[in-house]
Amino acid sequence: MLVLTLLSVIILAVGALSAPRDPPASTTIDHRDAISNFKTAYLALNKWPSLIDSPDPFEDTEDVPFAAEKSPVPEVSVIAKVIQVERNLSLFYTGSAFSALQTYRKSFEPPLKSCFECTPREYWRESKWDDIELFLHRWSAAFALASSGIVYVLIPPEGPMVDSHWELDEWPILNGNNPNVDEVIAINSDDFSNTTVIYKKH
């Protein structure tokens, strides 16, 4: 009898899950939400050893306690001062090019640095700030502001993701609005030999 009851509950649950639902109010994909959710999930997980391995954020495997109280998001200029990235070592990415990030950055000696490698982990934990979406935008802009010399960006074959942090926050600064940047090189994330200089300081 107990088994039959459990089976009945399971059948009812499956039926509820498979029942027709009203279509969403909008079928338009907000790419800003998509990339933000992607990064937010990454921040919450706090480590993806197969994709990211940085001595500062990831060698220490102890969980950082979640902040009891959230702080207001700092201005871009303040975040930029926390970022530690040497000249000619900044690496950006957009969309699905994230999957090639570690392979490409490690092809350099010393390795290139993405925003994850040059920002202390305790600073970019999701729980620290009262507005994670605002922080991600400002963090992206701050990384562009802190970069100098030759800058690299991995772009998927289909091109940059529309309304991504690259398009909204990083590229506008790197494209002539950071006097310390000499050149920006775009790399096809599927073919590292396919490169294009997309900005050069005159």
C-alpha atoms as a PDB file:
ATOM      1  CA  MET A   1       0.000   0.000   0.000  1.00  0.00           C
ATOM      2  CA  LEU A   2       2.848   2.383   0.898  1.00  0.00           C
ATOM      3  CA  VAL A   3       4.567   1.633  -2.400  1.00  0.00           C
ATOM      4  CA  LEU A   4       1.376   2.315  -4.336  1.00  0.00           C
ATOM      5  CA  THR A   5       0.891   5.581  -2.461  1.00  0.00           C
ATOM      6  CA  LEU A   6       4.427   6.697  -3.284  1.00  0.00           C
ATOM      7  CA  LEU A   7       3.938   5.758  -6.934  1.00  0.00           C
ATOM      8  CA  SER A   8       0.742   7.799  -7.009  1.00  0.00           C
ATOM      9  CA  VAL A   9       2.552  10.829  -5.604  1.00  0.00           C
ATOM     10  CA  ILE A  10       5.344  10.469  -8.176  1.00  0.00           C
ATOM     11  CA  ILE A  11       2.852  10.139 -11.048  1.00  0.00           C
ATOM     12  CA  LEU A  12       0.984  13.236  -9.886  1.00  0.00           C
ATOM     13  CA  ALA A  13       4.246  15.181  -9.591  1.00  0.00           C
ATOM     14  CA  VAL A  14       5.385  14.184 -13.078  1.00  0.00           C
ATOM     15  CA  GLY A  15       2.000  15.080 -14.447  1.00  0.00           C
ATOM     16  CA  ALA A  16       2.195  18.501 -12.847  1.00  0.00           C
ATOM     17  CA  LEU A  17       5.651  19.104 -14.297  1.00  0.00           C
ATOM     18  CA  SER A  18       4.587  18.062 -17.786  1.00  0.00           C
ATOM     19  CA  ALA A  19       1.283  19.968 -17.740  1.00  0.00           C
ATOM     20  CA  PRO A  20       1.036  22.817 -20.265  1.00  0.00           C
ATOM     21  CA  ARG A  21       2.200  26.155 -18.962  1.00  0.00           C
ATOM     22  CA  ASP A  22       1.424  29.671 -20.081  1.00  0.00           C
ATOM     23  CA  PRO A  23       4.111  30.975 -22.443  1.00  0.00           C
ATOM     24  CA  PRO A  24       6.516  33.534 -20.955  1.00  0.00           C
ATOM     25  CA  ALA A  25       5.536  37.163 -21.344  1.00  0.00           C
ATOM     26  CA  SER A  26       8.567  37.739 -23.569  1.00  0.00           C
ATOM     27  CA  THR A  27      10.734  35.375 -25.576  1.00  0.00           C
ATOM     28  CA  THR A  28      13.481  37.959 -26.071  1.00  0.00           C
ATOM     29  CA  ILE A  29      16.774  36.882 -24.494  1.00  0.00           C
ATOM     30  CA  ASP A  30      18.387  39.608 -22.419  1.00  0.00           C
ATOM     31  CA  HIS A  31      22.081  38.922 -22.982  1.00  0.00           C
ATOM     32  CA  ARG A  32      22.995  41.206 -20.109  1.00  0.00           C
ATOM     33  CA  ASP A  33      21.025  38.948 -17.788  1.00  0.00           C
ATOM     34  CA  ALA A  34      22.553  35.851 -19.383  1.00  0.00           C
ATOM     35  CA  ILE A  35      26.159  36.928 -18.888  1.00  0.00           C
ATOM     36  CA  SER A  36      25.415  38.328 -15.447  1.00  0.00           C
ATOM     37  CA  ASN A  37      23.753  35.107 -14.327  1.00  0.00           C
ATOM     38  CA  PHE A  38      26.670  33.151 -15.754  1.00  0.00           C
ATOM     39  CA  LYS A  39      29.205  35.147 -13.785  1.00  0.00           C
ATOM     40  CA  THR A  40      27.021  35.233 -10.679  1.00  0.00           C
ATOM     41  CA  ALA A  41      26.819  31.438 -10.693  1.00  0.00           C
ATOM     42  CA  TYR A  42      30.585  31.294 -11.056  1.00  0.00           C
ATOM     43  CA  LEU A  43      31.084  33.703  -8.195  1.00  0.00           C
ATOM     44  CA  ALA A  44      28.750  31.742  -5.959  1.00  0.00           C
ATOM     45  CA  LEU A  45      30.478  28.435  -6.738  1.00  0.00           C
ATOM     46  CA  ASN A  46      33.741  30.246  -6.017  1.00  0.00           C
ATOM     47  CA  LYS A  47      35.955  27.850  -7.988  1.00  0.00           C
ATOM     48  CA  TRP A  48      35.998  26.008 -11.312  1.00  0.00           C
ATOM     49  CA  PRO A  49      39.423  24.343 -11.184  1.00  0.00           C
ATOM     50  CA  SER A  50      39.060  22.985 -14.717  1.00  0.00           C
ATOM     51  CA  LEU A  51      38.671  26.491 -16.148  1.00  0.00           C
ATOM     52  CA  ILE A  52      40.221  28.857 -13.646  1.00  0.00           C
ATOM     53  CA  ASP A  53      43.313  28.377 -11.538  1.00  0.00           C
ATOM     54  CA  SER A  54      44.867  31.403  -9.954  1.00  0.00           C
ATOM     55  CA  PRO A  55      47.319  31.362  -7.038  1.00  0.00           C
ATOM     56  CA  ASP A  56      45.461  34.109  -5.213  1.00  0.00           C
ATOM     57  CA  PRO A  57      41.777  33.157  -5.449  1.00  0.00           C
ATOM     58  CA  PHE A  58      41.996  29.408  -5.868  1.00  0.00           C
ATOM     59  CA  GLU A  59      44.965  27.885  -4.061  1.00  0.00           C
ATOM     60  CA  ASP A  60      43.232  28.586  -0.764  1.00  0.00           C
ATOM     61  CA  THR A  61      40.378  26.090  -0.790  1.00  0.00           C
ATOM     62  CA  GLU A  62      38.814  27.254   2.460  1.00  0.00           C
ATOM     63  CA  ASP A  63      35.392  28.765   1.984  1.00  0.00           C
ATOM     64  CA  VAL A  64      35.267  32.478   2.598  1.00  0.00           C
ATOM     65  CA  PRO A  65      32.394  33.221   5.025  1.00  0.00           C
ATOM     66  CA  PHE A  66      29.420  34.957   3.486  1.00  0.00           C
ATOM     67  CA  ALA A  67      29.284  38.594   4.489  1.00  0.00           C
ATOM     68  CA  ALA A  68      26.812  39.300   7.287  1.00  0.00           C
ATOM     69  CA  GLU A  69      26.191  42.779   5.915  1.00  0.00           C
ATOM     70  CA  LYS A  70      26.490  43.781   2.280  1.00  0.00           C
ATOM     71  CA  SER A  71      28.471  46.840   1.286  1.00  0.00           C
ATOM     72  CA  PRO A  72      27.638  49.528  -1.278  1.00  0.00           C
ATOM     73  CA  VAL A  73      29.343  48.946  -4.638  1.00  0.00           C
ATOM     74  CA  PRO A  74      32.519  51.059  -4.996  1.00  0.00           C
ATOM     75  CA  GLU A  75      33.061  53.407  -7.918  1.00  0.00           C
ATOM     76  CA  VAL A  76      34.968  52.160 -10.971  1.00  0.00           C
ATOM     77  CA  SER A  77      38.078  54.165 -10.065  1.00  0.00           C
ATOM     78  CA  VAL A  78      38.159  52.602  -6.588  1.00  0.00           C
ATOM     79  CA  ILE A  79      37.852  49.046  -7.913  1.00  0.00           C
ATOM     80  CA  ALA A  80      40.573  49.759 -10.492  1.00  0.00           C
ATOM     81  CA  LYS A  81      43.054  50.476  -7.680  1.00  0.00           C
ATOM     82  CA  VAL A  82      42.462  47.007  -6.210  1.00  0.00           C
ATOM     83  CA  ILE A  83      43.170  45.234  -9.517  1.00  0.00           C
ATOM     84  CA  GLN A  84      46.789  44.111  -9.908  1.00  0.00           C
ATOM     85  CA  VAL A  85      47.681  43.542 -13.552  1.00  0.00           C
ATOM     86  CA  GLU A  86      51.052  44.152 -15.184  1.00  0.00           C
ATOM     87  CA  ARG A  87      51.553  45.910 -18.509  1.00  0.00           C
ATOM     88  CA  ASN A  88      50.805  43.749 -21.593  1.00  0.00           C
ATOM     89  CA  LEU A  89      49.152  40.984 -19.534  1.00  0.00           C
ATOM     90  CA  SER A  90      45.421  41.825 -19.597  1.00  0.00           C
ATOM     91  CA  LEU A  91      43.116  39.238 -21.173  1.00  0.00           C
ATOM     92  CA  PHE A  92      39.420  39.851 -21.802  1.00  0.00           C
ATOM     93  CA  TYR A  93      36.783  37.546 -23.263  1.00  0.00           C
ATOM     94  CA  THR A  94      33.200  37.642 -24.445  1.00  0.00           C
ATOM     95  CA  GLY A  95      30.476  35.005 -24.600  1.00  0.00           C
ATOM     96  CA  SER A  96      31.470  31.404 -25.279  1.00  0.00           C
ATOM     97  CA  ALA A  97      35.147  32.407 -25.601  1.00  0.00           C
ATOM     98  CA  PHE A  98      35.306  31.892 -21.829  1.00  0.00           C
ATOM     99  CA  SER A  99      35.932  28.191 -22.469  1.00  0.00           C
ATOM    100  CA  ALA A 100      39.261  29.028 -24.163  1.00  0.00           C
ATOM    101  CA  LEU A 101      40.382  31.490 -21.516  1.00  0.00           C
ATOM    102  CA  GLN A 102      42.822  29.290 -19.593  1.00  0.00           C
ATOM    103  CA  THR A 103      44.331  27.578 -22.633  1.00  0.00           C
ATOM    104  CA  TYR A 104      45.120  30.902 -24.292  1.00  0.00           C
ATOM    105  CA  ARG A 105      46.390  32.763 -21.242  1.00  0.00           C
ATOM    106  CA  LYS A 106      48.755  29.907 -20.346  1.00  0.00           C
ATOM    107  CA  SER A 107      50.276  30.015 -23.824  1.00  0.00           C
ATOM    108  CA  PHE A 108      52.128  33.155 -22.656  1.00  0.00           C
ATOM    109  CA  GLU A 109      55.044  33.369 -20.243  1.00  0.00           C
ATOM    110  CA  PRO A 110      54.238  34.827 -17.816  1.00  0.00           C
ATOM    111  CA  PRO A 111      50.570  33.861 -18.312  1.00  0.00           C
ATOM    112  CA  LEU A 112      48.070  36.550 -19.186  1.00  0.00           C
ATOM    113  CA  LYS A 113      45.544  37.582 -16.527  1.00  0.00           C
ATOM    114  CA  SER A 114      41.785  37.847 -16.691  1.00  0.00           C
ATOM    115  CA  CYS A 115      39.846  39.879 -14.131  1.00  0.00           C
ATOM    116  CA  PHE A 116      39.617  36.751 -11.957  1.00  0.00           C
ATOM    117  CA  GLU A 117      43.385  36.331 -11.673  1.00  0.00           C
ATOM    118  CA  CYS A 118      44.190  39.944 -10.830  1.00  0.00           C
ATOM    119  CA  THR A 119      41.452  40.717  -8.298  1.00  0.00           C
ATOM    120  CA  PRO A 120      41.608  39.273  -4.751  1.00  0.00           C
ATOM    121  CA  ARG A 121      38.920  36.657  -4.214  1.00  0.00           C
ATOM    122  CA  GLU A 122      37.543  38.253  -1.058  1.00  0.00           C
ATOM    123  CA  TYR A 123      36.900  41.406  -3.092  1.00  0.00           C
ATOM    124  CA  TRP A 124      34.774  39.867  -5.826  1.00  0.00           C
ATOM    125  CA  ARG A 125      32.723  37.425  -3.804  1.00  0.00           C
ATOM    126  CA  GLU A 126      29.078  37.787  -4.758  1.00  0.00           C
ATOM    127  CA  SER A 127      27.891  38.093  -1.174  1.00  0.00           C
ATOM    128  CA  LYS A 128      30.036  41.154  -0.443  1.00  0.00           C
ATOM    129  CA  TRP A 129      28.048  43.747  -2.395  1.00  0.00           C
ATOM    130  CA  ASP A 130      24.461  44.949  -2.166  1.00  0.00           C
ATOM    131  CA  ASP A 131      24.041  45.027  -5.965  1.00  0.00           C
ATOM    132  CA  ILE A 132      25.895  42.228  -7.756  1.00  0.00           C
ATOM    133  CA  GLU A 133      24.783  43.334 -11.233  1.00  0.00           C
ATOM    134  CA  LEU A 134      26.140  46.844 -10.663  1.00  0.00           C
ATOM    135  CA  PHE A 135      29.367  45.417  -9.260  1.00  0.00           C
ATOM    136  CA  LEU A 136      29.912  43.203 -12.311  1.00  0.00           C
ATOM    137  CA  HIS A 137      29.528  46.184 -14.637  1.00  0.00           C
ATOM    138  CA  ARG A 138      31.868  48.344 -12.586  1.00  0.00           C
ATOM    139  CA  TRP A 139      34.383  45.520 -12.118  1.00  0.00           C
ATOM    140  CA  SER A 140      34.501  44.984 -15.876  1.00  0.00           C
ATOM    141  CA  ALA A 141      35.037  48.693 -16.500  1.00  0.00           C
ATOM    142  CA  ALA A 142      37.669  48.838 -13.753  1.00  0.00           C
ATOM    143  CA  PHE A 143      39.640  45.997 -15.337  1.00  0.00           C
ATOM    144  CA  ALA A 144      39.675  47.892 -18.625  1.00  0.00           C
ATOM    145  CA  LEU A 145      40.787  51.021 -16.793  1.00  0.00           C
ATOM    146  CA  ALA A 146      43.584  49.166 -14.971  1.00  0.00           C
ATOM    147  CA  SER A 147      44.939  47.584 -18.168  1.00  0.00           C
ATOM    148  CA  SER A 148      47.905  48.955 -20.090  1.00  0.00           C
ATOM    149  CA  GLY A 149      50.176  48.293 -23.061  1.00  0.00           C
ATOM    150  CA  ILE A 150      48.997  45.492 -25.366  1.00  0.00           C
ATOM    151  CA  VAL A 151      45.588  44.112 -24.380  1.00  0.00           C
ATOM    152  CA  TYR A 152      44.098  40.824 -25.614  1.00  0.00           C
ATOM    153  CA  VAL A 153      40.470  39.781 -26.031  1.00  0.00           C
ATOM    154  CA  LEU A 154      39.129  36.334 -26.932  1.00  0.00           C
ATOM    155  CA  ILE A 155      36.124  36.548 -29.241  1.00  0.00           C
ATOM    156  CA  PRO A 156      34.080  33.555 -30.486  1.00  0.00           C
ATOM    157  CA  PRO A 157      33.786  32.989 -34.257  1.00  0.00           C
ATOM    158  CA  GLU A 158      30.225  34.333 -34.259  1.00  0.00           C
ATOM    159  CA  GLY A 159      31.444  37.638 -32.837  1.00  0.00           C
ATOM    160  CA  PRO A 160      31.025  39.406 -29.495  1.00  0.00           C
ATOM    161  CA  MET A 161      27.915  38.688 -27.465  1.00  0.00           C
ATOM    162  CA  VAL A 162      25.428  41.541 -27.869  1.00  0.00           C
ATOM    163  CA  ASP A 163      25.079  43.708 -24.765  1.00  0.00           C
ATOM    164  CA  SER A 164      27.824  41.751 -22.977  1.00  0.00           C
ATOM    165  CA  HIS A 165      30.166  43.279 -20.418  1.00  0.00           C
ATOM    166  CA  TRP A 166      32.750  43.458 -23.196  1.00  0.00           C
ATOM    167  CA  GLU A 167      30.505  45.612 -25.375  1.00  0.00           C
ATOM    168  CA  LEU A 168      28.947  47.689 -22.604  1.00  0.00           C
ATOM    169  CA  ASP A 169      31.761  48.198 -20.102  1.00  0.00           C
ATOM    170  CA  GLU A 170      35.178  47.118 -21.364  1.00  0.00           C
ATOM    171  CA  TRP A 171      35.519  47.924 -25.070  1.00  0.00           C
ATOM    172  CA  PRO A 172      34.308  51.559 -24.729  1.00  0.00           C
ATOM    173  CA  ILE A 173      37.227  52.211 -22.347  1.00  0.00           C
ATOM    174  CA  LEU A 174      39.851  50.228 -24.256  1.00  0.00           C
ATOM    175  CA  ASN A 175      38.858  51.817 -27.561  1.00  0.00           C
ATOM    176  CA  GLY A 176      40.760  55.079 -27.084  1.00  0.00           C
ATOM    177  CA  ASN A 177      39.519  56.048 -23.622  1.00  0.00           C
ATOM    178  CA  ASN A 178      42.380  54.543 -21.633  1.00  0.00           C
ATOM    179  CA  PRO A 179      45.558  56.472 -22.491  1.00  0.00           C
ATOM    180  CA  ASN A 180      47.701  53.662 -21.091  1.00  0.00           C
ATOM    181  CA  VAL A 181      46.486  51.142 -23.682  1.00  0.00           C
ATOM    182  CA  ASP A 182      48.626  50.989 -26.833  1.00  0.00           C
ATOM    183  CA  GLU A 183      46.926  48.196 -28.743  1.00  0.00           C
ATOM    184  CA  VAL A 184      43.986  45.789 -28.493  1.00  0.00           C
ATOM    185  CA  ILE A 185      44.281  42.424 -30.246  1.00  0.00           C
ATOM    186  CA  ALA A 186      41.220  40.244 -30.861  1.00  0.00           C
ATOM    187  CA  ILE A 187      41.813  36.487 -30.997  1.00  0.00           C
ATOM    188  CA  ASN A 188      39.420  33.956 -32.489  1.00  0.00           C
ATOM    189  CA  SER A 189      38.691  31.617 -29.568  1.00  0.00           C
ATOM    190  CA  ASP A 190      38.470  28.637 -31.955  1.00  0.00           C
ATOM    191  CA  ASP A 191      41.673  29.466 -33.846  1.00  0.00           C
ATOM    192  CA  PHE A 192      44.353  31.311 -31.888  1.00  0.00           C
ATOM    193  CA  SER A 193      46.323  32.000 -35.071  1.00  0.00           C
ATOM    194  CA  ASN A 194      43.453  34.172 -36.329  1.00  0.00           C
ATOM    195  CA  THR A 195      44.139  37.563 -34.762  1.00  0.00           C
ATOM    196  CA  THR A 196      43.098  41.135 -35.588  1.00  0.00           C
ATOM    197  CA  VAL A 197      44.317  44.442 -34.194  1.00  0.00           C
ATOM    198  CA  ILE A 198      41.053  46.219 -33.394  1.00  0.00           C
ATOM    199  CA  TYR A 199      42.615  49.276 -31.750  1.00  0.00           C
ATOM    200  CA  LYS A 200      46.005  50.982 -32.046  1.00  0.00           C
ATOM    201  CA  LYS A 201      46.947  54.216 -30.317  1.00  0.00           C
ATOM    202  CA  HIS A 202      48.085  56.908 -32.718  1.00  0.00           C
END
